Amino acid sequence: MEAIAEKLETKLHEWKPETSQKVRARVAEIIELADDDALDIGRSRSVEQEVMDILDEPPSR
């Protein structure tokens, strides 16, 4: 097993159940995007938040 998979398996057992459930859902989403060869078109939430922050900034003069 790859190191990342081993680390994920360990962490899933260490985190709170709610956190593990959220991580499982995100990993499943990433796997689905990879299977569809669509990772390059998926945007992360952090990127979306950055865009929203820029749009919310007052216009500069």
N, C-alpha and C. Protein backbone atom coordinates (compact mmCIF):
# COMPACT_ATOMS: atom_id res chain seq x y z
N MET A 1 0.85 -1.18 0.00
CA MET A 1 0.00 0.00 0.00
C MET A 1 0.90 1.24 0.00
N GLU A 2 0.50 2.24 -0.74
CA GLU A 2 1.27 3.47 -0.79
C GLU A 2 1.25 4.18 0.56
N ALA A 3 2.27 4.96 0.79
CA ALA A 3 2.41 5.67 2.07
C ALA A 3 1.21 6.58 2.34
N ILE A 4 0.70 7.25 1.32
CA ILE A 4 -0.43 8.15 1.53
C ILE A 4 -1.67 7.39 1.96
N ALA A 5 -1.90 6.23 1.39
CA ALA A 5 -3.05 5.42 1.76
C ALA A 5 -2.91 4.90 3.19
N GLU A 6 -1.69 4.53 3.54
CA GLU A 6 -1.45 4.06 4.91
C GLU A 6 -1.67 5.19 5.91
N LYS A 7 -1.19 6.39 5.58
CA LYS A 7 -1.38 7.54 6.46
C LYS A 7 -2.86 7.87 6.61
N LEU A 8 -3.59 7.84 5.49
CA LEU A 8 -5.03 8.11 5.52
C LEU A 8 -5.74 7.10 6.41
N GLU A 9 -5.41 5.83 6.25
CA GLU A 9 -6.04 4.78 7.05
C GLU A 9 -5.80 5.03 8.54
N THR A 10 -4.58 5.38 8.89
CA THR A 10 -4.25 5.65 10.29
C THR A 10 -5.02 6.84 10.81
N LYS A 11 -5.03 7.92 10.05
CA LYS A 11 -5.71 9.15 10.48
C LYS A 11 -7.22 8.96 10.62
N LEU A 12 -7.81 8.19 9.73
CA LEU A 12 -9.26 7.96 9.81
C LEU A 12 -9.65 7.32 11.14
N HIS A 13 -8.74 6.55 11.71
CA HIS A 13 -9.02 5.91 13.01
C HIS A 13 -8.68 6.83 14.18
N GLU A 14 -7.88 7.87 13.94
CA GLU A 14 -7.48 8.80 15.00
C GLU A 14 -8.45 9.97 15.15
N TRP A 15 -9.01 10.43 14.04
CA TRP A 15 -9.88 11.60 14.07
C TRP A 15 -11.23 11.29 14.70
N LYS A 16 -11.93 12.37 15.05
CA LYS A 16 -13.31 12.23 15.52
C LYS A 16 -14.13 11.62 14.38
N PRO A 17 -15.18 10.87 14.72
CA PRO A 17 -15.99 10.23 13.67
C PRO A 17 -16.54 11.21 12.64
N GLU A 18 -16.91 12.41 13.07
CA GLU A 18 -17.45 13.39 12.13
C GLU A 18 -16.39 13.82 11.13
N THR A 19 -15.18 14.02 11.62
CA THR A 19 -14.08 14.42 10.75
C THR A 19 -13.76 13.31 9.76
N SER A 20 -13.69 12.08 10.25
CA SER A 20 -13.40 10.94 9.37
C SER A 20 -14.46 10.80 8.29
N GLN A 21 -15.71 11.01 8.65
CA GLN A 21 -16.80 10.91 7.68
C GLN A 21 -16.65 11.97 6.59
N LYS A 22 -16.31 13.20 6.98
CA LYS A 22 -16.12 14.28 6.00
C LYS A 22 -14.94 13.98 5.07
N VAL A 23 -13.85 13.47 5.65
CA VAL A 23 -12.67 13.15 4.85
C VAL A 23 -13.00 12.04 3.87
N ARG A 24 -13.71 11.02 4.32
CA ARG A 24 -14.10 9.92 3.43
C ARG A 24 -14.91 10.44 2.25
N ALA A 25 -15.83 11.35 2.52
CA ALA A 25 -16.67 11.92 1.46
C ALA A 25 -15.83 12.71 0.46
N ARG A 26 -14.88 13.50 0.97
CA ARG A 26 -14.03 14.28 0.08
C ARG A 26 -13.13 13.39 -0.76
N VAL A 27 -12.56 12.36 -0.13
CA VAL A 27 -11.69 11.45 -0.87
C VAL A 27 -12.49 10.72 -1.95
N ALA A 28 -13.71 10.31 -1.62
CA ALA A 28 -14.56 9.65 -2.60
C ALA A 28 -14.85 10.59 -3.78
N GLU A 29 -15.07 11.86 -3.48
CA GLU A 29 -15.32 12.85 -4.53
C GLU A 29 -14.09 13.01 -5.42
N ILE A 30 -12.91 13.06 -4.82
CA ILE A 30 -11.67 13.19 -5.59
C ILE A 30 -11.46 11.96 -6.47
N ILE A 31 -11.72 10.77 -5.93
CA ILE A 31 -11.57 9.55 -6.71
C ILE A 31 -12.51 9.57 -7.91
N GLU A 32 -13.75 10.01 -7.69
CA GLU A 32 -14.72 10.07 -8.78
C GLU A 32 -14.26 11.06 -9.86
N LEU A 33 -13.75 12.23 -9.44
CA LEU A 33 -13.24 13.20 -10.40
C LEU A 33 -12.06 12.64 -11.18
N ALA A 34 -11.17 11.92 -10.50
CA ALA A 34 -10.02 11.33 -11.16
C ALA A 34 -10.46 10.27 -12.16
N ASP A 35 -11.45 9.46 -11.78
CA ASP A 35 -11.97 8.44 -12.68
C ASP A 35 -12.57 9.06 -13.94
N ASP A 36 -13.17 10.23 -13.78
CA ASP A 36 -13.79 10.93 -14.91
C ASP A 36 -12.80 11.84 -15.63
N ASP A 37 -11.53 11.81 -15.19
CA ASP A 37 -10.48 12.65 -15.75
C ASP A 37 -10.88 14.12 -15.69
N ALA A 38 -11.47 14.51 -14.56
CA ALA A 38 -11.99 15.86 -14.42
C ALA A 38 -11.35 16.64 -13.28
N LEU A 39 -10.22 16.19 -12.79
CA LEU A 39 -9.58 16.90 -11.68
C LEU A 39 -9.18 18.31 -12.05
N ASP A 40 -8.79 18.52 -13.30
CA ASP A 40 -8.33 19.84 -13.69
C ASP A 40 -9.46 20.86 -13.78
N ILE A 41 -10.70 20.41 -13.86
CA ILE A 41 -11.80 21.36 -13.93
C ILE A 41 -12.50 21.55 -12.59
N GLY A 42 -12.19 20.71 -11.62
CA GLY A 42 -12.78 20.87 -10.29
C GLY A 42 -12.07 21.98 -9.53
N ARG A 43 -12.83 22.83 -8.87
CA ARG A 43 -12.24 23.91 -8.09
C ARG A 43 -12.33 23.56 -6.61
N SER A 44 -11.28 23.89 -5.90
CA SER A 44 -11.30 23.66 -4.46
C SER A 44 -12.11 24.77 -3.79
N ARG A 45 -12.58 24.50 -2.61
CA ARG A 45 -13.34 25.51 -1.88
C ARG A 45 -12.47 26.72 -1.56
N SER A 46 -11.20 26.49 -1.29
CA SER A 46 -10.32 27.62 -0.97
C SER A 46 -10.18 28.56 -2.16
N VAL A 47 -10.10 28.00 -3.37
CA VAL A 47 -10.01 28.84 -4.57
C VAL A 47 -11.31 29.61 -4.75
N GLU A 48 -12.43 28.95 -4.57
CA GLU A 48 -13.72 29.63 -4.70
C GLU A 48 -13.83 30.75 -3.67
N GLN A 49 -13.35 30.50 -2.44
CA GLN A 49 -13.43 31.53 -1.41
C GLN A 49 -12.54 32.71 -1.76
N GLU A 50 -11.37 32.45 -2.31
CA GLU A 50 -10.48 33.54 -2.73
C GLU A 50 -11.16 34.42 -3.77
N VAL A 51 -11.82 33.79 -4.73
CA VAL A 51 -12.54 34.55 -5.76
C VAL A 51 -13.65 35.39 -5.14
N MET A 52 -14.40 34.78 -4.23
CA MET A 52 -15.49 35.52 -3.57
C MET A 52 -14.94 36.70 -2.76
N ASP A 53 -13.81 36.50 -2.10
CA ASP A 53 -13.19 37.59 -1.33
C ASP A 53 -12.77 38.72 -2.24
N ILE A 54 -12.22 38.39 -3.40
CA ILE A 54 -11.81 39.42 -4.35
C ILE A 54 -13.02 40.19 -4.86
N LEU A 55 -14.10 39.48 -5.15
CA LEU A 55 -15.32 40.14 -5.64
C LEU A 55 -15.95 41.04 -4.56
N ASP A 56 -15.77 40.67 -3.30
CA ASP A 56 -16.35 41.45 -2.21
C ASP A 56 -15.52 42.67 -1.83
N GLU A 57 -14.28 42.74 -2.31
CA GLU A 57 -13.42 43.88 -1.97
C GLU A 57 -13.97 45.14 -2.61
N PRO A 58 -13.82 46.27 -1.90
CA PRO A 58 -14.27 47.53 -2.51
C PRO A 58 -13.40 47.85 -3.71
N PRO A 59 -13.96 48.48 -4.72
CA PRO A 59 -13.17 48.80 -5.91
C PRO A 59 -12.04 49.76 -5.56
N SER A 60 -10.88 49.53 -6.15
CA SER A 60 -9.75 50.44 -5.93
C SER A 60 -9.80 51.56 -6.96
N ARG A 61 -9.27 52.69 -6.60
CA ARG A 61 -9.34 53.85 -7.51
C ARG A 61 -8.03 54.08 -8.15
